[in-house]
Amino acid sequence: MKNALSNVNGWLGGLTGLLKTVVVFFVFAAIIWPTGLPNVIGGIVGLVNMFLGGGLAGLLALCVFCSFMD
């Protein structure tokens, strides 16, 4: 069981790393070519604003969410 959970953890870690790389690519691509690509920067700003719109509870939720990104 421990081996299976370790395997799943490895796959999820790899998938998370891949998604981070894709987001960074789209952010830089949106800076270089401002039209024709998904608005990643606007999506990130919208996500942060959604958390901060909840007041202190939203700010704490954003901190917890960011701690998982480590």
PDB file of N, CA and C in Angstrom:
ATOM      1  N   MET A   1       0.824  -1.189   0.000  1.00  0.00           N
ATOM      2  CA  MET A   1       0.000   0.000   0.000  1.00  0.00           C
ATOM      3  C   MET A   1       0.876   1.265   0.000  1.00  0.00           C
ATOM      4  N   LYS A   2       1.938   1.225   0.795  1.00  0.00           N
ATOM      5  CA  LYS A   2       2.833   2.380   0.876  1.00  0.00           C
ATOM      6  C   LYS A   2       3.503   2.626  -0.479  1.00  0.00           C
ATOM      7  N   ASN A   3       3.869   1.554  -1.157  1.00  0.00           N
ATOM      8  CA  ASN A   3       4.492   1.670  -2.471  1.00  0.00           C
ATOM      9  C   ASN A   3       3.518   2.271  -3.488  1.00  0.00           C
ATOM     10  N   ALA A   4       2.257   1.879  -3.417  1.00  0.00           N
ATOM     11  CA  ALA A   4       1.251   2.396  -4.349  1.00  0.00           C
ATOM     12  C   ALA A   4       1.032   3.886  -4.127  1.00  0.00           C
ATOM     13  N   LEU A   5       0.950   4.308  -2.874  1.00  0.00           N
ATOM     14  CA  LEU A   5       0.769   5.724  -2.583  1.00  0.00           C
ATOM     15  C   LEU A   5       1.990   6.532  -3.007  1.00  0.00           C
ATOM     16  N   SER A   6       3.152   5.950  -2.852  1.00  0.00           N
ATOM     17  CA  SER A   6       4.371   6.623  -3.297  1.00  0.00           C
ATOM     18  C   SER A   6       4.369   6.784  -4.817  1.00  0.00           C
ATOM     19  N   ASN A   7       3.903   5.774  -5.508  1.00  0.00           N
ATOM     20  CA  ASN A   7       3.816   5.826  -6.966  1.00  0.00           C
ATOM     21  C   ASN A   7       2.829   6.907  -7.421  1.00  0.00           C
ATOM     22  N   VAL A   8       1.657   6.947  -6.787  1.00  0.00           N
ATOM     23  CA  VAL A   8       0.653   7.965  -7.123  1.00  0.00           C
ATOM     24  C   VAL A   8       1.196   9.355  -6.813  1.00  0.00           C
ATOM     25  N   ASN A   9       1.888   9.499  -5.688  1.00  0.00           N
ATOM     26  CA  ASN A   9       2.474  10.781  -5.317  1.00  0.00           C
ATOM     27  C   ASN A   9       3.504  11.229  -6.360  1.00  0.00           C
ATOM     28  N   GLY A  10       4.286  10.309  -6.867  1.00  0.00           N
ATOM     29  CA  GLY A  10       5.257  10.629  -7.902  1.00  0.00           C
ATOM     30  C   GLY A  10       4.595  11.100  -9.186  1.00  0.00           C
ATOM     31  N   TRP A  11       3.527  10.419  -9.592  1.00  0.00           N
ATOM     32  CA  TRP A  11       2.805  10.811 -10.804  1.00  0.00           C
ATOM     33  C   TRP A  11       2.173  12.187 -10.640  1.00  0.00           C
ATOM     34  N   LEU A  12       1.547  12.426  -9.485  1.00  0.00           N
ATOM     35  CA  LEU A  12       0.910  13.720  -9.259  1.00  0.00           C
ATOM     36  C   LEU A  12       1.942  14.839  -9.183  1.00  0.00           C
ATOM     37  N   GLY A  13       3.095  14.563  -8.607  1.00  0.00           N
ATOM     38  CA  GLY A  13       4.165  15.559  -8.566  1.00  0.00           C
ATOM     39  C   GLY A  13       4.655  15.907  -9.963  1.00  0.00           C
ATOM     40  N   GLY A  14       4.796  14.902 -10.802  1.00  0.00           N
ATOM     41  CA  GLY A  14       5.213  15.137 -12.181  1.00  0.00           C
ATOM     42  C   GLY A  14       4.177  15.922 -12.964  1.00  0.00           C
ATOM     43  N   LEU A  15       2.908  15.594 -12.761  1.00  0.00           N
ATOM     44  CA  LEU A  15       1.828  16.299 -13.446  1.00  0.00           C
ATOM     45  C   LEU A  15       1.760  17.757 -12.991  1.00  0.00           C
ATOM     46  N   THR A  16       1.937  17.989 -11.701  1.00  0.00           N
ATOM     47  CA  THR A  16       1.938  19.353 -11.182  1.00  0.00           C
ATOM     48  C   THR A  16       3.092  20.157 -11.763  1.00  0.00           C
ATOM     49  N   GLY A  17       4.266  19.555 -11.846  1.00  0.00           N
ATOM     50  CA  GLY A  17       5.412  20.230 -12.446  1.00  0.00           C
ATOM     51  C   GLY A  17       5.170  20.575 -13.903  1.00  0.00           C
ATOM     52  N   LEU A  18       4.549  19.669 -14.631  1.00  0.00           N
ATOM     53  CA  LEU A  18       4.227  19.921 -16.032  1.00  0.00           C
ATOM     54  C   LEU A  18       3.235  21.072 -16.169  1.00  0.00           C
ATOM     55  N   LEU A  19       2.208  21.101 -15.323  1.00  0.00           N
ATOM     56  CA  LEU A  19       1.225  22.175 -15.387  1.00  0.00           C
ATOM     57  C   LEU A  19       1.845  23.524 -15.039  1.00  0.00           C
ATOM     58  N   LYS A  20       2.756  23.549 -14.080  1.00  0.00           N
ATOM     59  CA  LYS A  20       3.449  24.795 -13.750  1.00  0.00           C
ATOM     60  C   LYS A  20       4.250  25.287 -14.947  1.00  0.00           C
ATOM     61  N   THR A  21       4.911  24.378 -15.633  1.00  0.00           N
ATOM     62  CA  THR A  21       5.696  24.749 -16.804  1.00  0.00           C
ATOM     63  C   THR A  21       4.807  25.311 -17.908  1.00  0.00           C
ATOM     64  N   VAL A  22       3.661  24.710 -18.117  1.00  0.00           N
ATOM     65  CA  VAL A  22       2.734  25.177 -19.153  1.00  0.00           C
ATOM     66  C   VAL A  22       2.209  26.566 -18.806  1.00  0.00           C
ATOM     67  N   VAL A  23       1.868  26.805 -17.542  1.00  0.00           N
ATOM     68  CA  VAL A  23       1.377  28.123 -17.130  1.00  0.00           C
ATOM     69  C   VAL A  23       2.446  29.183 -17.336  1.00  0.00           C
ATOM     70  N   VAL A  24       3.685  28.886 -16.946  1.00  0.00           N
ATOM     71  CA  VAL A  24       4.777  29.845 -17.133  1.00  0.00           C
ATOM     72  C   VAL A  24       4.993  30.120 -18.617  1.00  0.00           C
ATOM     73  N   PHE A  25       4.926  29.086 -19.439  1.00  0.00           N
ATOM     74  CA  PHE A  25       5.066  29.279 -20.888  1.00  0.00           C
ATOM     75  C   PHE A  25       3.998  30.216 -21.418  1.00  0.00           C
ATOM     76  N   PHE A  26       2.729  29.990 -21.027  1.00  0.00           N
ATOM     77  CA  PHE A  26       1.654  30.832 -21.534  1.00  0.00           C
ATOM     78  C   PHE A  26       1.753  32.262 -21.008  1.00  0.00           C
ATOM     79  N   VAL A  27       2.258  32.446 -19.792  1.00  0.00           N
ATOM     80  CA  VAL A  27       2.443  33.803 -19.275  1.00  0.00           C
ATOM     81  C   VAL A  27       3.468  34.548 -20.133  1.00  0.00           C
ATOM     82  N   PHE A  28       4.606  33.912 -20.385  1.00  0.00           N
ATOM     83  CA  PHE A  28       5.622  34.563 -21.207  1.00  0.00           C
ATOM     84  C   PHE A  28       5.156  34.728 -22.661  1.00  0.00           C
ATOM     85  N   ALA A  29       4.421  33.764 -23.165  1.00  0.00           N
ATOM     86  CA  ALA A  29       3.906  33.882 -24.525  1.00  0.00           C
ATOM     87  C   ALA A  29       2.893  35.023 -24.624  1.00  0.00           C
ATOM     88  N   ALA A  30       2.089  35.222 -23.572  1.00  0.00           N
ATOM     89  CA  ALA A  30       1.124  36.321 -23.579  1.00  0.00           C
ATOM     90  C   ALA A  30       1.825  37.673 -23.508  1.00  0.00           C
ATOM     91  N   ILE A  31       2.998  37.711 -22.877  1.00  0.00           N
ATOM     92  CA  ILE A  31       3.760  38.959 -22.835  1.00  0.00           C
ATOM     93  C   ILE A  31       4.351  39.252 -24.209  1.00  0.00           C
ATOM     94  N   ILE A  32       4.884  38.224 -24.866  1.00  0.00           N
ATOM     95  CA  ILE A  32       5.512  38.421 -26.170  1.00  0.00           C
ATOM     96  C   ILE A  32       4.469  38.655 -27.261  1.00  0.00           C
ATOM     97  N   TRP A  33       3.438  37.827 -27.298  1.00  0.00           N
ATOM     98  CA  TRP A  33       2.361  37.946 -28.284  1.00  0.00           C
ATOM     99  C   TRP A  33       1.059  38.214 -27.538  1.00  0.00           C
ATOM    100  N   PRO A  34       0.668  39.474 -27.350  1.00  0.00           N
ATOM    101  CA  PRO A  34      -0.489  39.790 -26.508  1.00  0.00           C
ATOM    102  C   PRO A  34      -1.842  39.353 -27.083  1.00  0.00           C
ATOM    103  N   THR A  35      -1.922  39.028 -28.350  1.00  0.00           N
ATOM    104  CA  THR A  35      -3.207  38.614 -28.914  1.00  0.00           C
ATOM    105  C   THR A  35      -3.094  37.188 -29.431  1.00  0.00           C
ATOM    106  N   GLY A  36      -4.221  36.502 -29.445  1.00  0.00           N
ATOM    107  CA  GLY A  36      -4.259  35.178 -30.038  1.00  0.00           C
ATOM    108  C   GLY A  36      -3.977  34.029 -29.082  1.00  0.00           C
ATOM    109  N   LEU A  37      -3.654  34.318 -27.838  1.00  0.00           N
ATOM    110  CA  LEU A  37      -3.396  33.261 -26.860  1.00  0.00           C
ATOM    111  C   LEU A  37      -4.381  33.380 -25.709  1.00  0.00           C
ATOM    112  N   PRO A  38      -4.592  32.300 -24.968  1.00  0.00           N
ATOM    113  CA  PRO A  38      -5.469  32.401 -23.795  1.00  0.00           C
ATOM    114  C   PRO A  38      -4.932  33.448 -22.818  1.00  0.00           C
ATOM    115  N   ASN A  39      -5.833  34.149 -22.166  1.00  0.00           N
ATOM    116  CA  ASN A  39      -5.460  35.209 -21.242  1.00  0.00           C
ATOM    117  C   ASN A  39      -5.116  34.603 -19.881  1.00  0.00           C
ATOM    118  N   VAL A  40      -3.921  34.077 -19.772  1.00  0.00           N
ATOM    119  CA  VAL A  40      -3.489  33.404 -18.543  1.00  0.00           C
ATOM    120  C   VAL A  40      -3.304  34.409 -17.417  1.00  0.00           C
ATOM    121  N   ILE A  41      -2.715  35.556 -17.728  1.00  0.00           N
ATOM    122  CA  ILE A  41      -2.473  36.564 -16.697  1.00  0.00           C
ATOM    123  C   ILE A  41      -3.802  37.057 -16.124  1.00  0.00           C
ATOM    124  N   GLY A  42      -4.768  37.295 -16.986  1.00  0.00           N
ATOM    125  CA  GLY A  42      -6.093  37.704 -16.517  1.00  0.00           C
ATOM    126  C   GLY A  42      -6.760  36.627 -15.682  1.00  0.00           C
ATOM    127  N   GLY A  43      -6.541  35.374 -16.042  1.00  0.00           N
ATOM    128  CA  GLY A  43      -7.098  34.265 -15.251  1.00  0.00           C
ATOM    129  C   GLY A  43      -6.483  34.180 -13.873  1.00  0.00           C
ATOM    130  N   ILE A  44      -5.172  34.393 -13.780  1.00  0.00           N
ATOM    131  CA  ILE A  44      -4.501  34.358 -12.482  1.00  0.00           C
ATOM    132  C   ILE A  44      -4.968  35.529 -11.626  1.00  0.00           C
ATOM    133  N   VAL A  45      -5.070  36.718 -12.235  1.00  0.00           N
ATOM    134  CA  VAL A  45      -5.544  37.897 -11.495  1.00  0.00           C
ATOM    135  C   VAL A  45      -6.978  37.678 -11.026  1.00  0.00           C
ATOM    136  N   GLY A  46      -7.806  37.103 -11.867  1.00  0.00           N
ATOM    137  CA  GLY A  46      -9.187  36.806 -11.481  1.00  0.00           C
ATOM    138  C   GLY A  46      -9.275  35.824 -10.332  1.00  0.00           C
ATOM    139  N   LEU A  47      -8.407  34.816 -10.341  1.00  0.00           N
ATOM    140  CA  LEU A  47      -8.389  33.832  -9.259  1.00  0.00           C
ATOM    141  C   LEU A  47      -7.998  34.488  -7.941  1.00  0.00           C
ATOM    142  N   VAL A  48      -6.965  35.319  -7.965  1.00  0.00           N
ATOM    143  CA  VAL A  48      -6.530  36.005  -6.749  1.00  0.00           C
ATOM    144  C   VAL A  48      -7.620  36.955  -6.263  1.00  0.00           C
ATOM    145  N   ASN A  49      -8.250  37.690  -7.170  1.00  0.00           N
ATOM    146  CA  ASN A  49      -9.332  38.599  -6.781  1.00  0.00           C
ATOM    147  C   ASN A  49     -10.516  37.845  -6.198  1.00  0.00           C
ATOM    148  N   MET A  50     -10.785  36.645  -6.703  1.00  0.00           N
ATOM    149  CA  MET A  50     -11.868  35.842  -6.161  1.00  0.00           C
ATOM    150  C   MET A  50     -11.574  35.462  -4.716  1.00  0.00           C
ATOM    151  N   PHE A  51     -10.322  35.089  -4.434  1.00  0.00           N
ATOM    152  CA  PHE A  51      -9.949  34.759  -3.063  1.00  0.00           C
ATOM    153  C   PHE A  51     -10.016  35.996  -2.168  1.00  0.00           C
ATOM    154  N   LEU A  52      -9.484  37.114  -2.653  1.00  0.00           N
ATOM    155  CA  LEU A  52      -9.431  38.321  -1.831  1.00  0.00           C
ATOM    156  C   LEU A  52     -10.802  38.957  -1.645  1.00  0.00           C
ATOM    157  N   GLY A  53     -11.736  38.647  -2.510  1.00  0.00           N
ATOM    158  CA  GLY A  53     -13.100  39.148  -2.356  1.00  0.00           C
ATOM    159  C   GLY A  53     -13.800  38.548  -1.152  1.00  0.00           C
ATOM    160  N   GLY A  54     -13.277  37.465  -0.603  1.00  0.00           N
ATOM    161  CA  GLY A  54     -13.868  36.820   0.561  1.00  0.00           C
ATOM    162  C   GLY A  54     -13.379  37.378   1.878  1.00  0.00           C
ATOM    163  N   GLY A  55     -12.634  38.477   1.851  1.00  0.00           N
ATOM    164  CA  GLY A  55     -12.157  39.081   3.093  1.00  0.00           C
ATOM    165  C   GLY A  55     -11.017  38.278   3.701  1.00  0.00           C
ATOM    166  N   LEU A  56     -10.993  38.238   5.030  1.00  0.00           N
ATOM    167  CA  LEU A  56      -9.922  37.548   5.743  1.00  0.00           C
ATOM    168  C   LEU A  56      -9.949  36.039   5.465  1.00  0.00           C
ATOM    169  N   ALA A  57     -11.146  35.464   5.389  1.00  0.00           N
ATOM    170  CA  ALA A  57     -11.252  34.023   5.104  1.00  0.00           C
ATOM    171  C   ALA A  57     -10.710  33.720   3.705  1.00  0.00           C
ATOM    172  N   GLY A  58     -10.978  34.597   2.759  1.00  0.00           N
ATOM    173  CA  GLY A  58     -10.445  34.409   1.408  1.00  0.00           C
ATOM    174  C   GLY A  58      -8.937  34.532   1.375  1.00  0.00           C
ATOM    175  N   LEU A  59      -8.400  35.483   2.150  1.00  0.00           N
ATOM    176  CA  LEU A  59      -6.950  35.649   2.219  1.00  0.00           C
ATOM    177  C   LEU A  59      -6.294  34.414   2.830  1.00  0.00           C
ATOM    178  N   LEU A  60      -6.888  33.877   3.884  1.00  0.00           N
ATOM    179  CA  LEU A  60      -6.347  32.656   4.489  1.00  0.00           C
ATOM    180  C   LEU A  60      -6.441  31.476   3.530  1.00  0.00           C
ATOM    181  N   ALA A  61      -7.543  31.389   2.787  1.00  0.00           N
ATOM    182  CA  ALA A  61      -7.682  30.316   1.797  1.00  0.00           C
ATOM    183  C   ALA A  61      -6.634  30.455   0.702  1.00  0.00           C
ATOM    184  N   LEU A  62      -6.341  31.702   0.290  1.00  0.00           N
ATOM    185  CA  LEU A  62      -5.303  31.928  -0.713  1.00  0.00           C
ATOM    186  C   LEU A  62      -3.941  31.499  -0.179  1.00  0.00           C
ATOM    187  N   CYS A  63      -3.660  31.790   1.091  1.00  0.00           N
ATOM    188  CA  CYS A  63      -2.388  31.371   1.700  1.00  0.00           C
ATOM    189  C   CYS A  63      -2.272  29.852   1.742  1.00  0.00           C
ATOM    190  N   VAL A  64      -3.359  29.178   2.087  1.00  0.00           N
ATOM    191  CA  VAL A  64      -3.349  27.709   2.108  1.00  0.00           C
ATOM    192  C   VAL A  64      -3.157  27.172   0.709  1.00  0.00           C
ATOM    193  N   PHE A  65      -3.851  27.749  -0.267  1.00  0.00           N
ATOM    194  CA  PHE A  65      -3.736  27.337  -1.663  1.00  0.00           C
ATOM    195  C   PHE A  65      -2.296  27.514  -2.148  1.00  0.00           C
ATOM    196  N   CYS A  66      -1.680  28.638  -1.818  1.00  0.00           N
ATOM    197  CA  CYS A  66      -0.298  28.889  -2.238  1.00  0.00           C
ATOM    198  C   CYS A  66       0.691  27.947  -1.539  1.00  0.00           C
ATOM    199  N   SER A  67       0.368  27.522  -0.329  1.00  0.00           N
ATOM    200  CA  SER A  67       1.258  26.595   0.367  1.00  0.00           C
ATOM    201  C   SER A  67       1.295  25.236  -0.328  1.00  0.00           C
ATOM    202  N   PHE A  68       0.207  24.873  -1.003  1.00  0.00           N
ATOM    203  CA  PHE A  68       0.197  23.614  -1.736  1.00  0.00           C
ATOM    204  C   PHE A  68       1.020  23.689  -3.011  1.00  0.00           C
ATOM    205  N   MET A  69       1.309  24.881  -3.491  1.00  0.00           N
ATOM    206  CA  MET A  69       2.060  25.062  -4.723  1.00  0.00           C
ATOM    207  C   MET A  69       3.561  24.889  -4.524  1.00  0.00           C
ATOM    208  N   ASP A  70       3.995  24.708  -3.317  1.00  0.00           N
ATOM    209  CA  ASP A  70       5.425  24.586  -3.017  1.00  0.00           C
ATOM    210  C   ASP A  70       6.001  23.322  -3.514  1.00  0.00           C
TER     211      ASP A  70
END
